PDB file of N, CA and C in Angstrom:
ATOM      1  N   UNK A   1     -31.384  15.736 -51.245  1.00  0.00           N
ATOM      2  CA  UNK A   1     -30.999  15.366 -52.597  1.00  0.00           C
ATOM      3  C   UNK A   1     -29.486  15.218 -52.658  1.00  0.00           C
ATOM      4  N   UNK A   2     -29.035  14.010 -53.019  1.00  0.00           N
ATOM      5  CA  UNK A   2     -27.616  13.701 -53.087  1.00  0.00           C
ATOM      6  C   UNK A   2     -27.277  13.085 -54.436  1.00  0.00           C
ATOM      7  N   UNK A   3     -25.976  13.086 -54.794  1.00  0.00           N
ATOM      8  CA  UNK A   3     -25.565  12.355 -55.994  1.00  0.00           C
ATOM      9  C   UNK A   3     -25.815  10.857 -55.797  1.00  0.00           C
ATOM     10  N   UNK A   4     -25.686  10.077 -56.857  1.00  0.00           N
ATOM     11  CA  UNK A   4     -25.906   8.637 -56.780  1.00  0.00           C
ATOM     12  C   UNK A   4     -24.554   7.945 -56.656  1.00  0.00           C
ATOM     13  N   UNK A   5     -24.435   7.103 -55.644  1.00  0.00           N
ATOM     14  CA  UNK A   5     -23.193   6.393 -55.361  1.00  0.00           C
ATOM     15  C   UNK A   5     -23.376   4.899 -55.595  1.00  0.00           C
ATOM     16  N   UNK A   6     -22.256   4.219 -55.800  1.00  0.00           N
ATOM     17  CA  UNK A   6     -22.245   2.766 -55.906  1.00  0.00           C
ATOM     18  C   UNK A   6     -21.286   2.225 -54.845  1.00  0.00           C
ATOM     19  N   UNK A   7     -21.573   1.055 -54.330  1.00  0.00           N
ATOM     20  CA  UNK A   7     -20.728   0.417 -53.339  1.00  0.00           C
ATOM     21  C   UNK A   7     -19.762  -0.520 -54.057  1.00  0.00           C
ATOM     22  N   UNK A   8     -18.469  -0.225 -53.963  1.00  0.00           N
ATOM     23  CA  UNK A   8     -17.435  -1.031 -54.601  1.00  0.00           C
ATOM     24  C   UNK A   8     -16.968  -2.082 -53.603  1.00  0.00           C
ATOM     25  N   UNK A   9     -17.283  -3.345 -53.876  1.00  0.00           N
ATOM     26  CA  UNK A   9     -16.912  -4.450 -52.992  1.00  0.00           C
ATOM     27  C   UNK A   9     -15.627  -5.138 -53.449  1.00  0.00           C
ATOM     28  N   UNK A  10     -14.962  -4.600 -54.454  1.00  0.00           N
ATOM     29  CA  UNK A  10     -13.795  -5.255 -55.028  1.00  0.00           C
ATOM     30  C   UNK A  10     -12.466  -4.713 -54.511  1.00  0.00           C
ATOM     31  N   UNK A  11     -12.485  -3.793 -53.572  1.00  0.00           N
ATOM     32  CA  UNK A  11     -11.240  -3.299 -52.994  1.00  0.00           C
ATOM     33  C   UNK A  11     -10.644  -4.386 -52.106  1.00  0.00           C
ATOM     34  N   UNK A  12      -9.337  -4.440 -52.020  1.00  0.00           N
ATOM     35  CA  UNK A  12      -8.679  -5.497 -51.258  1.00  0.00           C
ATOM     36  C   UNK A  12      -8.942  -5.411 -49.756  1.00  0.00           C
ATOM     37  N   UNK A  13      -8.808  -4.230 -49.181  1.00  0.00           N
ATOM     38  CA  UNK A  13      -8.861  -4.119 -47.731  1.00  0.00           C
ATOM     39  C   UNK A  13     -10.172  -3.584 -47.177  1.00  0.00           C
ATOM     40  N   UNK A  14     -10.848  -2.776 -47.946  1.00  0.00           N
ATOM     41  CA  UNK A  14     -12.111  -2.226 -47.451  1.00  0.00           C
ATOM     42  C   UNK A  14     -13.032  -1.857 -48.600  1.00  0.00           C
ATOM     43  N   UNK A  15     -14.324  -1.904 -48.331  1.00  0.00           N
ATOM     44  CA  UNK A  15     -15.320  -1.511 -49.320  1.00  0.00           C
ATOM     45  C   UNK A  15     -15.377   0.011 -49.395  1.00  0.00           C
ATOM     46  N   UNK A  16     -15.654   0.542 -50.581  1.00  0.00           N
ATOM     47  CA  UNK A  16     -15.694   1.995 -50.741  1.00  0.00           C
ATOM     48  C   UNK A  16     -16.953   2.428 -51.475  1.00  0.00           C
ATOM     49  N   UNK A  17     -17.412   3.637 -51.163  1.00  0.00           N
ATOM     50  CA  UNK A  17     -18.504   4.257 -51.910  1.00  0.00           C
ATOM     51  C   UNK A  17     -17.885   5.136 -52.985  1.00  0.00           C
ATOM     52  N   UNK A  18     -18.375   4.997 -54.215  1.00  0.00           N
ATOM     53  CA  UNK A  18     -17.866   5.794 -55.321  1.00  0.00           C
ATOM     54  C   UNK A  18     -19.014   6.492 -56.020  1.00  0.00           C
ATOM     55  N   UNK A  19     -18.779   7.754 -56.382  1.00  0.00           N
ATOM     56  CA  UNK A  19     -19.820   8.530 -57.055  1.00  0.00           C
ATOM     57  C   UNK A  19     -20.012   8.001 -58.465  1.00  0.00           C
ATOM     58  N   UNK A  20     -21.229   7.583 -58.783  1.00  0.00           N
ATOM     59  CA  UNK A  20     -21.543   7.061 -60.106  1.00  0.00           C
ATOM     60  C   UNK A  20     -22.135   8.150 -60.999  1.00  0.00           C
ATOM     61  N   UNK A  21     -23.050   8.943 -60.422  1.00  0.00           N
ATOM     62  CA  UNK A  21     -23.712  10.020 -61.155  1.00  0.00           C
ATOM     63  C   UNK A  21     -23.610  11.281 -60.302  1.00  0.00           C
ATOM     64  N   UNK A  22     -22.957  12.337 -60.807  1.00  0.00           N
ATOM     65  CA  UNK A  22     -22.686  13.509 -59.978  1.00  0.00           C
ATOM     66  C   UNK A  22     -23.877  14.426 -59.707  1.00  0.00           C
ATOM     67  N   UNK A  23     -24.933  14.326 -60.497  1.00  0.00           N
ATOM     68  CA  UNK A  23     -26.071  15.234 -60.330  1.00  0.00           C
ATOM     69  C   UNK A  23     -26.806  14.935 -59.021  1.00  0.00           C
ATOM     70  N   UNK A  24     -27.295  15.968 -58.370  1.00  0.00           N
ATOM     71  CA  UNK A  24     -28.152  15.766 -57.205  1.00  0.00           C
ATOM     72  C   UNK A  24     -29.468  15.177 -57.669  1.00  0.00           C
ATOM     73  N   UNK A  25     -29.899  14.113 -57.016  1.00  0.00           N
ATOM     74  CA  UNK A  25     -31.114  13.415 -57.436  1.00  0.00           C
ATOM     75  C   UNK A  25     -32.134  13.389 -56.314  1.00  0.00           C
ATOM     76  N   UNK A  26     -33.389  13.683 -56.659  1.00  0.00           N
ATOM     77  CA  UNK A  26     -34.454  13.676 -55.656  1.00  0.00           C
ATOM     78  C   UNK A  26     -35.359  12.463 -55.791  1.00  0.00           C
ATOM     79  N   UNK A  27     -35.243  11.721 -56.911  1.00  0.00           N
ATOM     80  CA  UNK A  27     -36.082  10.543 -57.144  1.00  0.00           C
ATOM     81  C   UNK A  27     -35.323   9.614 -58.072  1.00  0.00           C
ATOM     82  N   UNK A  28     -35.322   8.318 -57.783  1.00  0.00           N
ATOM     83  CA  UNK A  28     -34.671   7.344 -58.661  1.00  0.00           C
ATOM     84  C   UNK A  28     -35.560   6.113 -58.811  1.00  0.00           C
ATOM     85  N   UNK A  29     -35.440   5.459 -59.956  1.00  0.00           N
ATOM     86  CA  UNK A  29     -36.155   4.216 -60.216  1.00  0.00           C
ATOM     87  C   UNK A  29     -35.296   3.385 -61.164  1.00  0.00           C
ATOM     88  N   UNK A  30     -35.131   2.115 -60.846  1.00  0.00           N
ATOM     89  CA  UNK A  30     -34.295   1.232 -61.651  1.00  0.00           C
ATOM     90  C   UNK A  30     -35.155   0.136 -62.274  1.00  0.00           C
ATOM     91  N   UNK A  31     -34.938  -0.103 -63.596  1.00  0.00           N
ATOM     92  CA  UNK A  31     -35.690  -1.130 -64.304  1.00  0.00           C
ATOM     93  C   UNK A  31     -34.856  -1.599 -65.503  1.00  0.00           C
ATOM     94  N   UNK A  32     -34.637  -2.895 -65.608  1.00  0.00           N
ATOM     95  CA  UNK A  32     -33.921  -3.477 -66.759  1.00  0.00           C
ATOM     96  C   UNK A  32     -32.584  -2.792 -67.041  1.00  0.00           C
ATOM     97  N   UNK A  33     -31.751  -2.655 -66.020  1.00  0.00           N
ATOM     98  CA  UNK A  33     -30.418  -2.048 -66.134  1.00  0.00           C
ATOM     99  C   UNK A  33     -30.448  -0.592 -66.598  1.00  0.00           C
ATOM    100  N   UNK A  34     -31.577   0.066 -66.403  1.00  0.00           N
ATOM    101  CA  UNK A  34     -31.725   1.482 -66.708  1.00  0.00           C
ATOM    102  C   UNK A  34     -32.168   2.189 -65.439  1.00  0.00           C
ATOM    103  N   UNK A  35     -31.493   3.278 -65.126  1.00  0.00           N
ATOM    104  CA  UNK A  35     -31.840   4.066 -63.948  1.00  0.00           C
ATOM    105  C   UNK A  35     -32.471   5.368 -64.422  1.00  0.00           C
ATOM    106  N   UNK A  36     -33.657   5.660 -63.939  1.00  0.00           N
ATOM    107  CA  UNK A  36     -34.309   6.946 -64.206  1.00  0.00           C
ATOM    108  C   UNK A  36     -34.159   7.787 -62.955  1.00  0.00           C
ATOM    109  N   UNK A  37     -33.870   9.066 -63.123  1.00  0.00           N
ATOM    110  CA  UNK A  37     -33.722   9.943 -61.960  1.00  0.00           C
ATOM    111  C   UNK A  37     -34.247  11.333 -62.272  1.00  0.00           C
ATOM    112  N   UNK A  38     -34.761  11.993 -61.247  1.00  0.00           N
ATOM    113  CA  UNK A  38     -35.076  13.413 -61.330  1.00  0.00           C
ATOM    114  C   UNK A  38     -33.871  14.106 -60.724  1.00  0.00           C
ATOM    115  N   UNK A  39     -33.103  14.784 -61.555  1.00  0.00           N
ATOM    116  CA  UNK A  39     -31.809  15.312 -61.138  1.00  0.00           C
ATOM    117  C   UNK A  39     -31.569  16.704 -61.676  1.00  0.00           C
ATOM    118  N   UNK A  40     -30.533  17.338 -61.139  1.00  0.00           N
ATOM    119  CA  UNK A  40     -30.073  18.620 -61.636  1.00  0.00           C
ATOM    120  C   UNK A  40     -30.705  19.807 -60.938  1.00  0.00           C
ATOM    121  N   UNK A  41     -30.140  20.979 -61.209  1.00  0.00           N
ATOM    122  CA  UNK A  41     -30.625  22.214 -60.586  1.00  0.00           C
ATOM    123  C   UNK A  41     -32.044  22.548 -61.017  1.00  0.00           C
ATOM    124  N   UNK A  42     -32.364  22.280 -62.289  1.00  0.00           N
ATOM    125  CA  UNK A  42     -33.697  22.619 -62.786  1.00  0.00           C
ATOM    126  C   UNK A  42     -34.635  21.414 -62.772  1.00  0.00           C
ATOM    127  N   UNK A  43     -34.271  20.348 -62.091  1.00  0.00           N
ATOM    128  CA  UNK A  43     -35.082  19.135 -61.957  1.00  0.00           C
ATOM    129  C   UNK A  43     -35.602  18.637 -63.303  1.00  0.00           C
ATOM    130  N   UNK A  44     -34.836  17.771 -63.888  1.00  0.00           N
ATOM    131  CA  UNK A  44     -35.196  17.180 -65.170  1.00  0.00           C
ATOM    132  C   UNK A  44     -35.013  15.671 -65.060  1.00  0.00           C
ATOM    133  N   UNK A  45     -35.766  14.901 -65.847  1.00  0.00           N
ATOM    134  CA  UNK A  45     -35.647  13.449 -65.806  1.00  0.00           C
ATOM    135  C   UNK A  45     -34.460  13.025 -66.676  1.00  0.00           C
ATOM    136  N   UNK A  46     -33.585  12.226 -66.078  1.00  0.00           N
ATOM    137  CA  UNK A  46     -32.436  11.669 -66.773  1.00  0.00           C
ATOM    138  C   UNK A  46     -32.607  10.167 -66.894  1.00  0.00           C
ATOM    139  N   UNK A  47     -32.056   9.604 -67.956  1.00  0.00           N
ATOM    140  CA  UNK A  47     -32.048   8.160 -68.177  1.00  0.00           C
ATOM    141  C   UNK A  47     -30.577   7.734 -68.227  1.00  0.00           C
ATOM    142  N   UNK A  48     -30.199   6.758 -67.387  1.00  0.00           N
ATOM    143  CA  UNK A  48     -28.814   6.317 -67.273  1.00  0.00           C
ATOM    144  C   UNK A  48     -28.711   4.838 -67.626  1.00  0.00           C
ATOM    145  N   UNK A  49     -27.761   4.489 -68.475  1.00  0.00           N
ATOM    146  CA  UNK A  49     -27.480   3.104 -68.815  1.00  0.00           C
ATOM    147  C   UNK A  49     -26.519   2.568 -67.743  1.00  0.00           C
ATOM    148  N   UNK A  50     -27.032   1.767 -66.794  1.00  0.00           N
ATOM    149  CA  UNK A  50     -26.212   1.306 -65.681  1.00  0.00           C
ATOM    150  C   UNK A  50     -25.079   0.389 -66.124  1.00  0.00           C
ATOM    151  N   UNK A  51     -25.335  -0.531 -67.024  1.00  0.00           N
ATOM    152  CA  UNK A  51     -24.266  -1.418 -67.476  1.00  0.00           C
ATOM    153  C   UNK A  51     -23.131  -0.623 -68.118  1.00  0.00           C
ATOM    154  N   UNK A  52     -23.492   0.356 -68.925  1.00  0.00           N
ATOM    155  CA  UNK A  52     -22.484   1.198 -69.563  1.00  0.00           C
ATOM    156  C   UNK A  52     -21.708   2.035 -68.567  1.00  0.00           C
ATOM    157  N   UNK A  53     -22.407   2.601 -67.561  1.00  0.00           N
ATOM    158  CA  UNK A  53     -21.732   3.410 -66.548  1.00  0.00           C
ATOM    159  C   UNK A  53     -20.757   2.571 -65.724  1.00  0.00           C
ATOM    160  N   UNK A  54     -21.157   1.349 -65.342  1.00  0.00           N
ATOM    161  CA  UNK A  54     -20.260   0.483 -64.589  1.00  0.00           C
ATOM    162  C   UNK A  54     -19.061   0.054 -65.433  1.00  0.00           C
ATOM    163  N   UNK A  55     -19.287  -0.233 -66.706  1.00  0.00           N
ATOM    164  CA  UNK A  55     -18.191  -0.612 -67.598  1.00  0.00           C
ATOM    165  C   UNK A  55     -17.223   0.562 -67.776  1.00  0.00           C
ATOM    166  N   UNK A  56     -17.763   1.761 -67.936  1.00  0.00           N
ATOM    167  CA  UNK A  56     -16.929   2.950 -68.073  1.00  0.00           C
ATOM    168  C   UNK A  56     -16.091   3.161 -66.813  1.00  0.00           C
ATOM    169  N   UNK A  57     -16.702   3.008 -65.651  1.00  0.00           N
ATOM    170  CA  UNK A  57     -15.978   3.171 -64.380  1.00  0.00           C
ATOM    171  C   UNK A  57     -14.869   2.129 -64.264  1.00  0.00           C
ATOM    172  N   UNK A  58     -15.175   0.880 -64.623  1.00  0.00           N
ATOM    173  CA  UNK A  58     -14.182  -0.193 -64.547  1.00  0.00           C
ATOM    174  C   UNK A  58     -13.011   0.101 -65.491  1.00  0.00           C
ATOM    175  N   UNK A  59     -13.329   0.580 -66.689  1.00  0.00           N
ATOM    176  CA  UNK A  59     -12.292   0.895 -67.672  1.00  0.00           C
ATOM    177  C   UNK A  59     -11.396   2.033 -67.174  1.00  0.00           C
ATOM    178  N   UNK A  60     -11.985   3.070 -66.592  1.00  0.00           N
ATOM    179  CA  UNK A  60     -11.199   4.193 -66.080  1.00  0.00           C
ATOM    180  C   UNK A  60     -10.333   3.765 -64.906  1.00  0.00           C
ATOM    181  N   UNK A  61     -10.864   2.898 -64.037  1.00  0.00           N
ATOM    182  CA  UNK A  61     -10.074   2.422 -62.903  1.00  0.00           C
ATOM    183  C   UNK A  61      -8.912   1.562 -63.379  1.00  0.00           C
ATOM    184  N   UNK A  62      -9.139   0.784 -64.433  1.00  0.00           N
ATOM    185  CA  UNK A  62      -8.088  -0.088 -64.957  1.00  0.00           C
ATOM    186  C   UNK A  62      -6.932   0.749 -65.493  1.00  0.00           C
ATOM    187  N   UNK A  63      -7.253   1.850 -66.145  1.00  0.00           N
ATOM    188  CA  UNK A  63      -6.217   2.723 -66.715  1.00  0.00           C
ATOM    189  C   UNK A  63      -5.505   3.526 -65.644  1.00  0.00           C
ATOM    190  N   UNK A  64      -6.140   3.660 -64.469  1.00  0.00           N
ATOM    191  CA  UNK A  64      -5.557   4.428 -63.362  1.00  0.00           C
ATOM    192  C   UNK A  64      -5.211   5.854 -63.793  1.00  0.00           C
ATOM    193  N   UNK A  65      -6.103   6.457 -64.575  1.00  0.00           N
ATOM    194  CA  UNK A  65      -5.875   7.817 -65.061  1.00  0.00           C
ATOM    195  C   UNK A  65      -6.814   8.755 -64.330  1.00  0.00           C
ATOM    196  N   UNK A  66      -6.280   9.843 -63.822  1.00  0.00           N
ATOM    197  CA  UNK A  66      -7.127  10.849 -63.201  1.00  0.00           C
ATOM    198  C   UNK A  66      -7.289  12.001 -64.183  1.00  0.00           C
ATOM    199  N   UNK A  67      -8.511  12.242 -64.588  1.00  0.00           N
ATOM    200  CA  UNK A  67      -8.791  13.318 -65.529  1.00  0.00           C
ATOM    201  C   UNK A  67      -9.236  14.551 -64.771  1.00  0.00           C
ATOM    202  N   UNK A  68      -8.867  15.696 -65.273  1.00  0.00           N
ATOM    203  CA  UNK A  68      -9.367  16.916 -64.668  1.00  0.00           C
ATOM    204  C   UNK A  68     -10.836  17.084 -65.032  1.00  0.00           C
ATOM    205  N   UNK A  69     -11.550  17.881 -64.272  1.00  0.00           N
ATOM    206  CA  UNK A  69     -12.976  18.093 -64.523  1.00  0.00           C
ATOM    207  C   UNK A  69     -13.186  18.670 -65.923  1.00  0.00           C
ATOM    208  N   UNK A  70     -12.368  19.625 -66.316  1.00  0.00           N
ATOM    209  CA  UNK A  70     -12.520  20.250 -67.628  1.00  0.00           C
ATOM    210  C   UNK A  70     -12.333  19.225 -68.747  1.00  0.00           C
ATOM    211  N   UNK A  71     -11.342  18.353 -68.630  1.00  0.00           N
ATOM    212  CA  UNK A  71     -11.100  17.334 -69.651  1.00  0.00           C
ATOM    213  C   UNK A  71     -12.252  16.352 -69.704  1.00  0.00           C
ATOM    214  N   UNK A  72     -12.771  15.965 -68.525  1.00  0.00           N
ATOM    215  CA  UNK A  72     -13.880  15.023 -68.466  1.00  0.00           C
ATOM    216  C   UNK A  72     -15.120  15.600 -69.140  1.00  0.00           C
ATOM    217  N   UNK A  73     -15.429  16.869 -68.881  1.00  0.00           N
ATOM    218  CA  UNK A  73     -16.586  17.503 -69.505  1.00  0.00           C
ATOM    219  C   UNK A  73     -16.386  17.609 -71.012  1.00  0.00           C
ATOM    220  N   UNK A  74     -15.166  17.910 -71.463  1.00  0.00           N
ATOM    221  CA  UNK A  74     -14.878  17.988 -72.887  1.00  0.00           C
ATOM    222  C   UNK A  74     -15.105  16.628 -73.539  1.00  0.00           C
ATOM    223  N   UNK A  75     -14.647  15.559 -72.891  1.00  0.00           N
ATOM    224  CA  UNK A  75     -14.829  14.211 -73.423  1.00  0.00           C
ATOM    225  C   UNK A  75     -16.304  13.881 -73.551  1.00  0.00           C
ATOM    226  N   UNK A  76     -17.114  14.264 -72.553  1.00  0.00           N
ATOM    227  CA  UNK A  76     -18.552  14.000 -72.605  1.00  0.00           C
ATOM    228  C   UNK A  76     -19.200  14.703 -73.787  1.00  0.00           C
ATOM    229  N   UNK A  77     -18.722  15.890 -74.137  1.00  0.00           N
ATOM    230  CA  UNK A  77     -19.320  16.652 -75.237  1.00  0.00           C
ATOM    231  C   UNK A  77     -18.929  16.091 -76.598  1.00  0.00           C
ATOM    232  N   UNK A  78     -17.790  15.440 -76.684  1.00  0.00           N
ATOM    233  CA  UNK A  78     -17.338  14.890 -77.960  1.00  0.00           C
ATOM    234  C   UNK A  78     -18.142  13.647 -78.337  1.00  0.00           C
ATOM    235  N   UNK A  79     -18.555  12.849 -77.351  1.00  0.00           N
ATOM    236  CA  UNK A  79     -19.292  11.616 -77.614  1.00  0.00           C
ATOM    237  C   UNK A  79     -20.662  11.964 -78.200  1.00  0.00           C
ATOM    238  N   UNK A  80     -21.025  11.386 -79.347  1.00  0.00           N
ATOM    239  CA  UNK A  80     -22.347  11.662 -79.929  1.00  0.00           C
ATOM    240  C   UNK A  80     -23.466  11.257 -78.971  1.00  0.00           C
ATOM    241  N   UNK A  81     -24.571  11.975 -79.017  1.00  0.00           N
ATOM    242  CA  UNK A  81     -25.676  11.721 -78.090  1.00  0.00           C
ATOM    243  C   UNK A  81     -26.209  10.295 -78.168  1.00  0.00           C
ATOM    244  N   UNK A  82     -26.207   9.704 -79.356  1.00  0.00           N
ATOM    245  CA  UNK A  82     -26.764   8.358 -79.466  1.00  0.00           C
ATOM    246  C   UNK A  82     -25.905   7.326 -78.742  1.00  0.00           C
ATOM    247  N   UNK A  83     -24.656   7.674 -78.402  1.00  0.00           N
ATOM    248  CA  UNK A  83     -23.782   6.780 -77.652  1.00  0.00           C
ATOM    249  C   UNK A  83     -23.643   7.204 -76.192  1.00  0.00           C
ATOM    250  N   UNK A  84     -24.326   8.254 -75.776  1.00  0.00           N
ATOM    251  CA  UNK A  84     -24.219   8.748 -74.403  1.00  0.00           C
ATOM    252  C   UNK A  84     -24.786   7.726 -73.425  1.00  0.00           C
ATOM    253  N   UNK A  85     -24.148   7.605 -72.269  1.00  0.00           N
ATOM    254  CA  UNK A  85     -24.596   6.671 -71.241  1.00  0.00           C
ATOM    255  C   UNK A  85     -25.694   7.275 -70.372  1.00  0.00           C
ATOM    256  N   UNK A  86     -25.747   8.587 -70.303  1.00  0.00           N
ATOM    257  CA  UNK A  86     -26.794   9.298 -69.565  1.00  0.00           C
ATOM    258  C   UNK A  86     -27.296  10.426 -70.445  1.00  0.00           C
ATOM    259  N   UNK A  87     -28.609  10.616 -70.439  1.00  0.00           N
ATOM    260  CA  UNK A  87     -29.145  11.716 -71.228  1.00  0.00           C
ATOM    261  C   UNK A  87     -30.413  12.253 -70.580  1.00  0.00           C
ATOM    262  N   UNK A  88     -30.704  13.517 -70.897  1.00  0.00           N
ATOM    263  CA  UNK A  88     -31.917  14.165 -70.389  1.00  0.00           C
ATOM    264  C   UNK A  88     -33.101  13.739 -71.245  1.00  0.00           C
ATOM    265  N   UNK A  89     -34.206  13.436 -70.589  1.00  0.00           N
ATOM    266  CA  UNK A  89     -35.428  13.132 -71.316  1.00  0.00           C
ATOM    267  C   UNK A  89     -36.007  14.461 -71.801  1.00  0.00           C
ATOM    268  N   UNK A  90     -36.413  14.545 -73.052  1.00  0.00           N
ATOM    269  CA  UNK A  90     -36.923  15.814 -73.577  1.00  0.00           C
ATOM    270  C   UNK A  90     -38.222  16.248 -72.893  1.00  0.00           C
ATOM    271  N   UNK A  91     -38.401  17.540 -72.803  1.00  0.00           N
ATOM    272  CA  UNK A  91     -39.623  18.165 -72.284  1.00  0.00           C
ATOM    273  C   UNK A  91     -39.957  17.765 -70.852  1.00  0.00           C
ATOM    274  N   UNK A  92     -38.933  17.609 -69.995  1.00  0.00           N
ATOM    275  CA  UNK A  92     -39.186  17.265 -68.589  1.00  0.00           C
ATOM    276  C   UNK A  92     -38.596  18.293 -67.635  1.00  0.00           C
ATOM    277  N   UNK A  93     -38.154  19.424 -68.135  1.00  0.00           N
ATOM    278  CA  UNK A  93     -37.556  20.451 -67.283  1.00  0.00           C
ATOM    279  C   UNK A  93     -38.580  20.954 -66.277  1.00  0.00           C
ATOM    280  N   UNK A  94     -38.161  21.049 -65.023  1.00  0.00           N
ATOM    281  CA  UNK A  94     -39.048  21.516 -63.962  1.00  0.00           C
ATOM    282  C   UNK A  94     -39.844  20.400 -63.308  1.00  0.00           C
ATOM    283  N   UNK A  95     -39.591  19.166 -63.700  1.00  0.00           N
ATOM    284  CA  UNK A  95     -40.306  18.019 -63.127  1.00  0.00           C
ATOM    285  C   UNK A  95     -39.969  17.904 -61.636  1.00  0.00           C
ATOM    286  N   UNK A  96     -40.969  17.778 -60.785  1.00  0.00           N
ATOM    287  CA  UNK A  96     -40.761  17.686 -59.339  1.00  0.00           C
ATOM    288  C   UNK A  96     -40.902  16.265 -58.809  1.00  0.00           C
ATOM    289  N   UNK A  97     -41.788  15.476 -59.410  1.00  0.00           N
ATOM    290  CA  UNK A  97     -41.958  14.097 -58.966  1.00  0.00           C
ATOM    291  C   UNK A  97     -42.412  13.236 -60.134  1.00  0.00           C
ATOM    292  N   UNK A  98     -42.176  11.949 -60.011  1.00  0.00           N
ATOM    293  CA  UNK A  98     -42.544  10.986 -61.054  1.00  0.00           C
ATOM    294  C   UNK A  98     -43.265   9.823 -60.408  1.00  0.00           C
ATOM    295  N   UNK A  99     -43.935   9.064 -61.223  1.00  0.00           N
ATOM    296  CA  UNK A  99     -44.524   7.813 -60.739  1.00  0.00           C
ATOM    297  C   UNK A  99     -44.370   6.775 -61.836  1.00  0.00           C
ATOM    298  N   UNK A 100     -44.340   5.533 -61.425  1.00  0.00           N
ATOM    299  CA  UNK A 100     -44.186   4.428 -62.360  1.00  0.00           C
ATOM    300  C   UNK A 100     -45.473   3.627 -62.338  1.00  0.00           C
ATOM    301  N   UNK A 101     -46.020   3.343 -63.515  1.00  0.00           N
ATOM    302  CA  UNK A 101     -47.270   2.581 -63.600  1.00  0.00           C
ATOM    303  C   UNK A 101     -47.066   1.408 -64.562  1.00  0.00           C
ATOM    304  N   UNK A 102     -47.876   0.393 -64.375  1.00  0.00           N
ATOM    305  CA  UNK A 102     -47.825  -0.779 -65.253  1.00  0.00           C
ATOM    306  C   UNK A 102     -48.716  -0.520 -66.475  1.00  0.00           C
ATOM    307  N   UNK A 103     -48.175  -0.850 -67.648  1.00  0.00           N
ATOM    308  CA  UNK A 103     -48.932  -0.691 -68.892  1.00  0.00           C
ATOM    309  C   UNK A 103     -50.000  -1.780 -68.953  1.00  0.00           C
ATOM    310  N   UNK A 104     -51.277  -1.415 -69.013  1.00  0.00           N
ATOM    311  CA  UNK A 104     -52.343  -2.425 -69.000  1.00  0.00           C
ATOM    312  C   UNK A 104     -52.357  -3.293 -70.265  1.00  0.00           C
ATOM    313  N   UNK A 105     -51.758  -2.819 -71.349  1.00  0.00           N
ATOM    314  CA  UNK A 105     -51.768  -3.559 -72.606  1.00  0.00           C
ATOM    315  C   UNK A 105     -50.629  -4.562 -72.713  1.00  0.00           C
ATOM    316  N   UNK A 106     -49.450  -4.182 -72.212  1.00  0.00           N
ATOM    317  CA  UNK A 106     -48.290  -5.073 -72.334  1.00  0.00           C
ATOM    318  C   UNK A 106     -47.962  -5.786 -71.021  1.00  0.00           C
ATOM    319  N   UNK A 107     -48.499  -5.294 -69.905  1.00  0.00           N
ATOM    320  CA  UNK A 107     -48.195  -5.875 -68.608  1.00  0.00           C
ATOM    321  C   UNK A 107     -46.835  -5.468 -68.053  1.00  0.00           C
ATOM    322  N   UNK A 108     -46.180  -4.507 -68.678  1.00  0.00           N
ATOM    323  CA  UNK A 108     -44.866  -4.041 -68.215  1.00  0.00           C
ATOM    324  C   UNK A 108     -44.958  -2.679 -67.615  1.00  0.00           C
TER     325      UNK A 108
END
């Protein structure tokens, strides 16, 4: 179980791996620019807005500001949950594995 990384191909001299989501993840699934993962110490399902996370990363890189961990966590707590880019799915604590199935009614 490792954090989720992204491959940055926009560096001038070499490509770099950058941590996108710090939680250790044991399962991931991507659909419609949304990443679902089983992550964290207590294994819970998280939902991540990929477009928002990439935009946030691009914005932080543009500013060239290094935030301390404490400041970053404080900033995450100030943002209202409805605007959060990643959130825990309710009632999924202790989840060990997931599966994805097609809805027979909608075909999705």
